[in-house]
Amino acid sequence: MSRTTLLAAVAIAVLGAVLFMIRKQRYTDQVTGGYLVSVVIIAQEVAEGTQLAPPHVERLDLPPAQVEARHVLLEDINKIFGIPARHTLRAGQALRWTDLRANAQEIGTPSELLEPGTRAVTIYTGYRSFYQMMSRGDRVDVFYTGPTQRPRDNFEQVPYKTVVLAQNVLVLSDEVTMVERDGATRAARQVTLAVSPEEAALLEHSDREGTRSWLSFAARNPDDEIILDDPPTAENADLIEAAVRPPRRTRTPPSGPRPIEQIL
């Protein structure tokens, strides 16, 4: 190979690398809007009540569209040290102000923790086993199940229907409390959610419907932000139909066993 040919090959390789880097930067700018926002994430698991320290956190750059008002920005990292965790924080998750057990003077009033256009509403639900796993910071869908018509008396059997009242809403707090309904005191789950004004009105109204109706939750993956324009509903007849028709979809089996501590 002549020297001229070798220099030409090297020049072509360098030019190709430069063009690739330019194309990569243009694609990054299109996806991120031209810049990234640095937020704080958890570097190692932090137990509930543990005071945050520098080894617990690290930096992550995100596109602006993925940054929420509750995210702790890197520029505010010094404000979080010494503040206890409100609940167990998993490694790799983005740190939010709602994850910290701090007073209003340190991180603002509860209203300031809400994104613009959202409202905090508290509802009471039954005490089911899944709700014991639910915690602050989770994303859930809210379902309402109630009769499709008013019964004439307490013994009349009427059909029921389940509808989706809210999708992908944030759990602000979750605790067990005692409530009095229909002259009896019973344990209930008191859940505070960040919802839209329309969803707040529906949830508040559904919470007053009495013992013949109830609310339930379905947990979402934190990266699942899909909102269905026409969410499915379910009635008594759908249960019978589901029992006789073949399944419409299959679940993908897990790639391997998961440690129990990742599930709880």
Protein backbone atom coordinates (compact mmCIF):
# COMPACT_ATOMS: atom_id res chain seq x y z
CA MET A 1 0.00 0.00 0.00
CA SER A 2 1.40 3.39 -1.01
CA ARG A 3 1.77 6.23 1.44
CA THR A 4 -0.82 8.29 -0.43
CA THR A 5 -3.40 5.50 -0.19
CA LEU A 6 -2.71 5.06 3.54
CA LEU A 7 -3.13 8.78 4.24
CA ALA A 8 -6.37 8.83 2.24
CA ALA A 9 -7.75 5.89 4.25
CA VAL A 10 -6.85 7.60 7.53
CA ALA A 11 -8.45 10.86 6.37
CA ILE A 12 -11.65 9.05 5.37
CA ALA A 13 -11.79 7.27 8.75
CA VAL A 14 -11.30 10.54 10.65
CA LEU A 15 -13.95 12.26 8.51
CA GLY A 16 -16.38 9.40 9.15
CA ALA A 17 -15.82 9.62 12.91
CA VAL A 18 -16.39 13.39 12.86
CA LEU A 19 -19.61 13.03 10.86
CA PHE A 20 -20.82 10.33 13.25
CA MET A 21 -20.21 12.55 16.28
CA ILE A 22 -22.02 15.45 14.60
CA ARG A 23 -24.99 13.22 13.77
CA LYS A 24 -25.02 11.82 17.33
CA GLN A 25 -25.00 15.31 18.82
CA ARG A 26 -27.86 16.44 16.58
CA TYR A 27 -29.92 13.42 17.60
CA THR A 28 -29.20 14.10 21.28
CA ASP A 29 -30.27 17.72 20.87
CA GLN A 30 -33.53 16.63 19.22
CA VAL A 31 -34.35 14.23 22.06
CA THR A 32 -33.29 16.41 24.99
CA GLY A 33 -34.15 19.84 23.62
CA GLY A 34 -30.50 20.79 23.40
CA TYR A 35 -29.60 20.44 27.07
CA LEU A 36 -29.88 18.14 30.06
CA VAL A 37 -30.96 18.78 33.64
CA SER A 38 -28.88 17.30 36.47
CA VAL A 39 -30.93 15.66 39.22
CA VAL A 40 -30.07 13.66 42.32
CA ILE A 41 -30.59 9.89 42.35
CA ILE A 42 -30.08 7.25 45.04
CA ALA A 43 -26.72 5.47 44.74
CA GLN A 44 -27.40 2.81 47.38
CA GLU A 45 -30.51 1.67 49.27
CA VAL A 46 -31.48 4.01 52.10
CA ALA A 47 -33.64 2.64 54.91
CA GLU A 48 -36.63 4.58 56.20
CA GLY A 49 -35.56 7.15 58.80
CA THR A 50 -31.89 7.15 57.74
CA GLN A 51 -30.36 10.60 57.36
CA LEU A 52 -29.10 11.20 53.84
CA ALA A 53 -25.35 11.61 53.37
CA PRO A 54 -23.10 12.14 50.29
CA PRO A 55 -22.42 8.39 49.78
CA HIS A 56 -26.18 7.79 49.42
CA VAL A 57 -26.64 9.92 46.29
CA GLU A 58 -25.16 10.60 42.89
CA ARG A 59 -25.86 12.63 39.76
CA LEU A 60 -28.00 11.80 36.74
CA ASP A 61 -28.64 13.96 33.67
CA LEU A 62 -32.19 13.84 32.29
CA PRO A 63 -34.02 15.53 29.41
CA PRO A 64 -36.19 18.41 30.65
CA ALA A 65 -39.37 16.55 29.69
CA GLN A 66 -38.57 13.83 32.25
CA VAL A 67 -37.88 16.21 35.15
CA GLU A 68 -40.72 16.84 37.62
CA ALA A 69 -41.09 19.77 39.99
CA ARG A 70 -40.59 17.36 42.91
CA HIS A 71 -37.20 16.15 41.68
CA VAL A 72 -34.22 17.28 43.76
CA LEU A 73 -31.90 19.16 41.41
CA LEU A 74 -28.16 18.78 41.70
CA GLU A 75 -27.85 22.46 42.64
CA ASP A 76 -29.94 21.74 45.77
CA ILE A 77 -28.03 18.65 46.86
CA ASN A 78 -26.56 20.29 49.98
CA LYS A 79 -30.08 20.93 51.30
CA ILE A 80 -30.90 17.22 51.63
CA PHE A 81 -27.96 16.06 53.75
CA GLY A 82 -28.96 15.24 57.31
CA ILE A 83 -32.67 14.92 56.47
CA PRO A 84 -34.22 11.47 57.21
CA ALA A 85 -35.78 9.43 54.42
CA ARG A 86 -39.58 9.34 54.65
CA HIS A 87 -39.58 5.73 53.40
CA THR A 88 -37.13 3.19 51.99
CA LEU A 89 -35.32 4.54 48.92
CA ARG A 90 -34.15 2.09 46.27
CA ALA A 91 -30.85 2.42 44.43
CA GLY A 92 -31.22 4.04 41.03
CA GLN A 93 -34.46 5.92 41.73
CA ALA A 94 -34.62 9.69 41.33
CA LEU A 95 -34.85 11.52 44.64
CA ARG A 96 -37.94 13.68 45.14
CA TRP A 97 -38.66 16.22 47.86
CA THR A 98 -41.63 14.07 48.87
CA ASP A 99 -39.18 11.27 49.74
CA LEU A 100 -37.72 13.36 52.58
CA ARG A 101 -39.04 13.75 56.10
CA ALA A 102 -38.56 17.52 56.32
CA ASN A 103 -40.62 20.41 57.62
CA ALA A 104 -42.36 23.03 55.50
CA GLN A 105 -39.65 25.64 56.08
CA GLU A 106 -37.01 23.35 54.53
CA ILE A 107 -38.84 22.21 51.39
CA GLY A 108 -41.92 24.40 51.21
CA THR A 109 -45.57 23.89 52.10
CA PRO A 110 -47.50 20.81 50.93
CA SER A 111 -49.15 22.91 48.23
CA GLU A 112 -45.73 23.81 46.83
CA LEU A 113 -44.96 20.10 46.38
CA LEU A 114 -47.84 19.78 43.91
CA GLU A 115 -47.30 20.36 40.24
CA PRO A 116 -49.28 23.26 38.73
CA GLY A 117 -52.83 22.16 37.91
CA THR A 118 -52.95 19.31 40.43
CA ARG A 119 -54.78 18.95 43.74
CA ALA A 120 -54.17 16.82 46.83
CA VAL A 121 -57.21 14.75 47.80
CA THR A 122 -57.50 12.17 50.59
CA ILE A 123 -59.69 9.10 50.19
CA TYR A 124 -60.43 6.08 52.37
CA THR A 125 -60.25 2.52 51.09
CA GLY A 126 -60.41 -0.99 52.44
CA TYR A 127 -57.43 -2.67 54.06
CA ARG A 128 -56.23 -5.12 51.41
CA SER A 129 -52.91 -6.96 51.33
CA PHE A 130 -51.61 -5.07 48.27
CA TYR A 131 -52.12 -1.71 49.95
CA GLN A 132 -49.58 -2.71 52.60
CA MET A 133 -46.96 -2.68 49.80
CA MET A 134 -48.07 0.69 48.45
CA SER A 135 -46.00 3.65 49.63
CA ARG A 136 -45.39 7.32 49.02
CA GLY A 137 -44.04 8.08 45.57
CA ASP A 138 -45.84 5.18 43.87
CA ARG A 139 -47.83 5.75 40.69
CA VAL A 140 -51.28 4.15 40.60
CA ASP A 141 -54.54 3.95 38.67
CA VAL A 142 -57.73 4.38 40.70
CA PHE A 143 -60.80 2.22 40.06
CA TYR A 144 -64.36 2.70 41.24
CA THR A 145 -66.76 -0.23 41.60
CA GLY A 146 -70.42 0.41 42.31
CA PRO A 147 -73.97 -0.60 41.40
CA THR A 148 -75.32 0.42 38.01
CA GLN A 149 -78.73 1.20 39.53
CA ARG A 150 -80.16 2.04 42.94
CA PRO A 151 -81.49 -1.05 44.80
CA ARG A 152 -85.02 -0.81 46.15
CA ASP A 153 -83.91 -2.27 49.47
CA ASN A 154 -80.81 -3.70 51.17
CA PHE A 155 -81.56 -7.21 49.95
CA GLU A 156 -82.00 -6.56 46.21
CA GLN A 157 -79.13 -7.83 44.05
CA VAL A 158 -78.12 -5.31 41.38
CA PRO A 159 -75.39 -5.49 38.72
CA TYR A 160 -72.07 -3.79 39.40
CA LYS A 161 -69.66 -1.95 37.14
CA THR A 162 -65.99 -1.00 37.50
CA VAL A 163 -64.60 2.12 35.84
CA VAL A 164 -61.26 3.94 35.86
CA LEU A 165 -61.48 7.26 37.71
CA ALA A 166 -57.83 8.36 37.50
CA GLN A 167 -54.69 7.20 35.73
CA ASN A 168 -51.02 7.52 36.63
CA VAL A 169 -51.56 9.58 39.78
CA LEU A 170 -48.94 10.11 42.47
CA VAL A 171 -49.35 8.75 46.01
CA LEU A 172 -48.44 11.58 48.39
CA SER A 173 -49.12 9.71 51.64
CA ASP A 174 -50.47 6.36 52.75
CA GLU A 175 -51.38 5.28 56.27
CA VAL A 176 -53.81 3.13 58.23
CA THR A 177 -56.42 4.95 60.29
CA MET A 178 -59.74 4.28 62.01
CA VAL A 179 -62.87 5.68 60.37
CA GLU A 180 -66.52 5.62 61.41
CA ARG A 181 -69.03 4.60 58.78
CA ASP A 182 -72.59 3.42 59.11
CA GLY A 183 -72.33 3.62 62.89
CA ALA A 184 -69.28 1.34 63.12
CA THR A 185 -65.58 2.06 63.57
CA ARG A 186 -63.26 0.10 61.31
CA ALA A 187 -59.69 0.15 59.99
CA ALA A 188 -59.23 1.82 56.62
CA ARG A 189 -56.46 2.97 54.37
CA GLN A 190 -56.12 6.75 54.18
CA VAL A 191 -54.45 7.60 50.87
CA THR A 192 -53.63 11.11 49.64
CA LEU A 193 -53.23 11.47 45.88
CA ALA A 194 -52.09 14.26 43.56
CA VAL A 195 -54.83 14.51 40.91
CA SER A 196 -56.44 16.94 38.50
CA PRO A 197 -59.45 19.02 39.67
CA GLU A 198 -61.79 16.81 37.64
CA GLU A 199 -60.34 13.64 39.17
CA ALA A 200 -60.54 15.20 42.65
CA ALA A 201 -64.26 15.83 42.21
CA LEU A 202 -64.90 12.26 41.04
CA LEU A 203 -62.87 10.74 43.88
CA GLU A 204 -64.54 12.89 46.51
CA HIS A 205 -68.00 12.02 45.21
CA SER A 206 -67.23 8.30 44.96
CA ASP A 207 -65.98 8.31 48.55
CA ARG A 208 -69.48 9.30 49.69
CA GLU A 209 -71.36 6.54 47.90
CA GLY A 210 -71.55 4.24 50.93
CA THR A 211 -70.80 0.59 51.62
CA ARG A 212 -72.16 -0.72 48.30
CA SER A 213 -69.27 0.87 46.37
CA TRP A 214 -65.53 1.05 46.86
CA LEU A 215 -62.25 2.32 45.42
CA SER A 216 -59.23 0.21 44.55
CA PHE A 217 -55.76 0.77 43.12
CA ALA A 218 -53.51 -0.75 40.48
CA ALA A 219 -49.81 0.00 40.74
CA ARG A 220 -47.92 1.23 37.67
CA ASN A 221 -44.31 0.99 36.62
CA PRO A 222 -42.78 4.44 37.31
CA ASP A 223 -41.67 4.66 33.66
CA ASP A 224 -45.17 3.87 32.33
CA GLU A 225 -46.71 7.24 31.51
CA ILE A 226 -49.36 6.04 29.02
CA ILE A 227 -52.82 7.57 29.58
CA LEU A 228 -55.69 5.76 27.85
CA ASP A 229 -58.26 8.05 26.25
CA ASP A 230 -60.94 5.35 26.55
CA PRO A 231 -59.99 3.10 29.49
CA PRO A 232 -61.78 -0.24 29.71
CA THR A 233 -64.70 -0.92 32.04
CA ALA A 234 -66.01 -4.18 33.49
CA GLU A 235 -69.51 -5.40 34.31
CA ASN A 236 -71.01 -8.64 35.62
CA ALA A 237 -71.47 -9.99 32.10
CA ASP A 238 -67.78 -9.41 31.32
CA LEU A 239 -66.80 -11.83 34.09
CA ILE A 240 -68.92 -14.58 32.58
CA GLU A 241 -67.59 -13.87 29.09
CA ALA A 242 -64.00 -13.91 30.33
CA ALA A 243 -64.55 -17.32 31.88
CA VAL A 244 -65.58 -18.93 28.59
CA ARG A 245 -63.42 -17.17 26.00
CA PRO A 246 -59.73 -18.01 25.39
CA PRO A 247 -57.19 -15.54 26.77
CA ARG A 248 -56.45 -12.62 24.44
CA ARG A 249 -52.90 -11.99 25.56
CA THR A 250 -50.09 -13.79 27.32
CA ARG A 251 -47.66 -12.54 29.87
CA THR A 252 -43.94 -12.56 29.16
CA PRO A 253 -42.24 -14.85 31.70
CA PRO A 254 -39.57 -13.20 33.85
CA SER A 255 -35.99 -13.55 32.63
CA GLY A 256 -34.88 -15.06 35.92
CA PRO A 257 -35.66 -15.30 39.62
CA ARG A 258 -35.99 -12.00 41.46
CA PRO A 259 -34.69 -11.56 45.00
CA ILE A 260 -37.52 -11.24 47.50
CA GLU A 261 -36.19 -7.90 48.74
CA GLN A 262 -36.88 -6.41 45.30
CA ILE A 263 -40.52 -7.42 45.50
CA LEU A 264 -41.37 -6.26 49.00
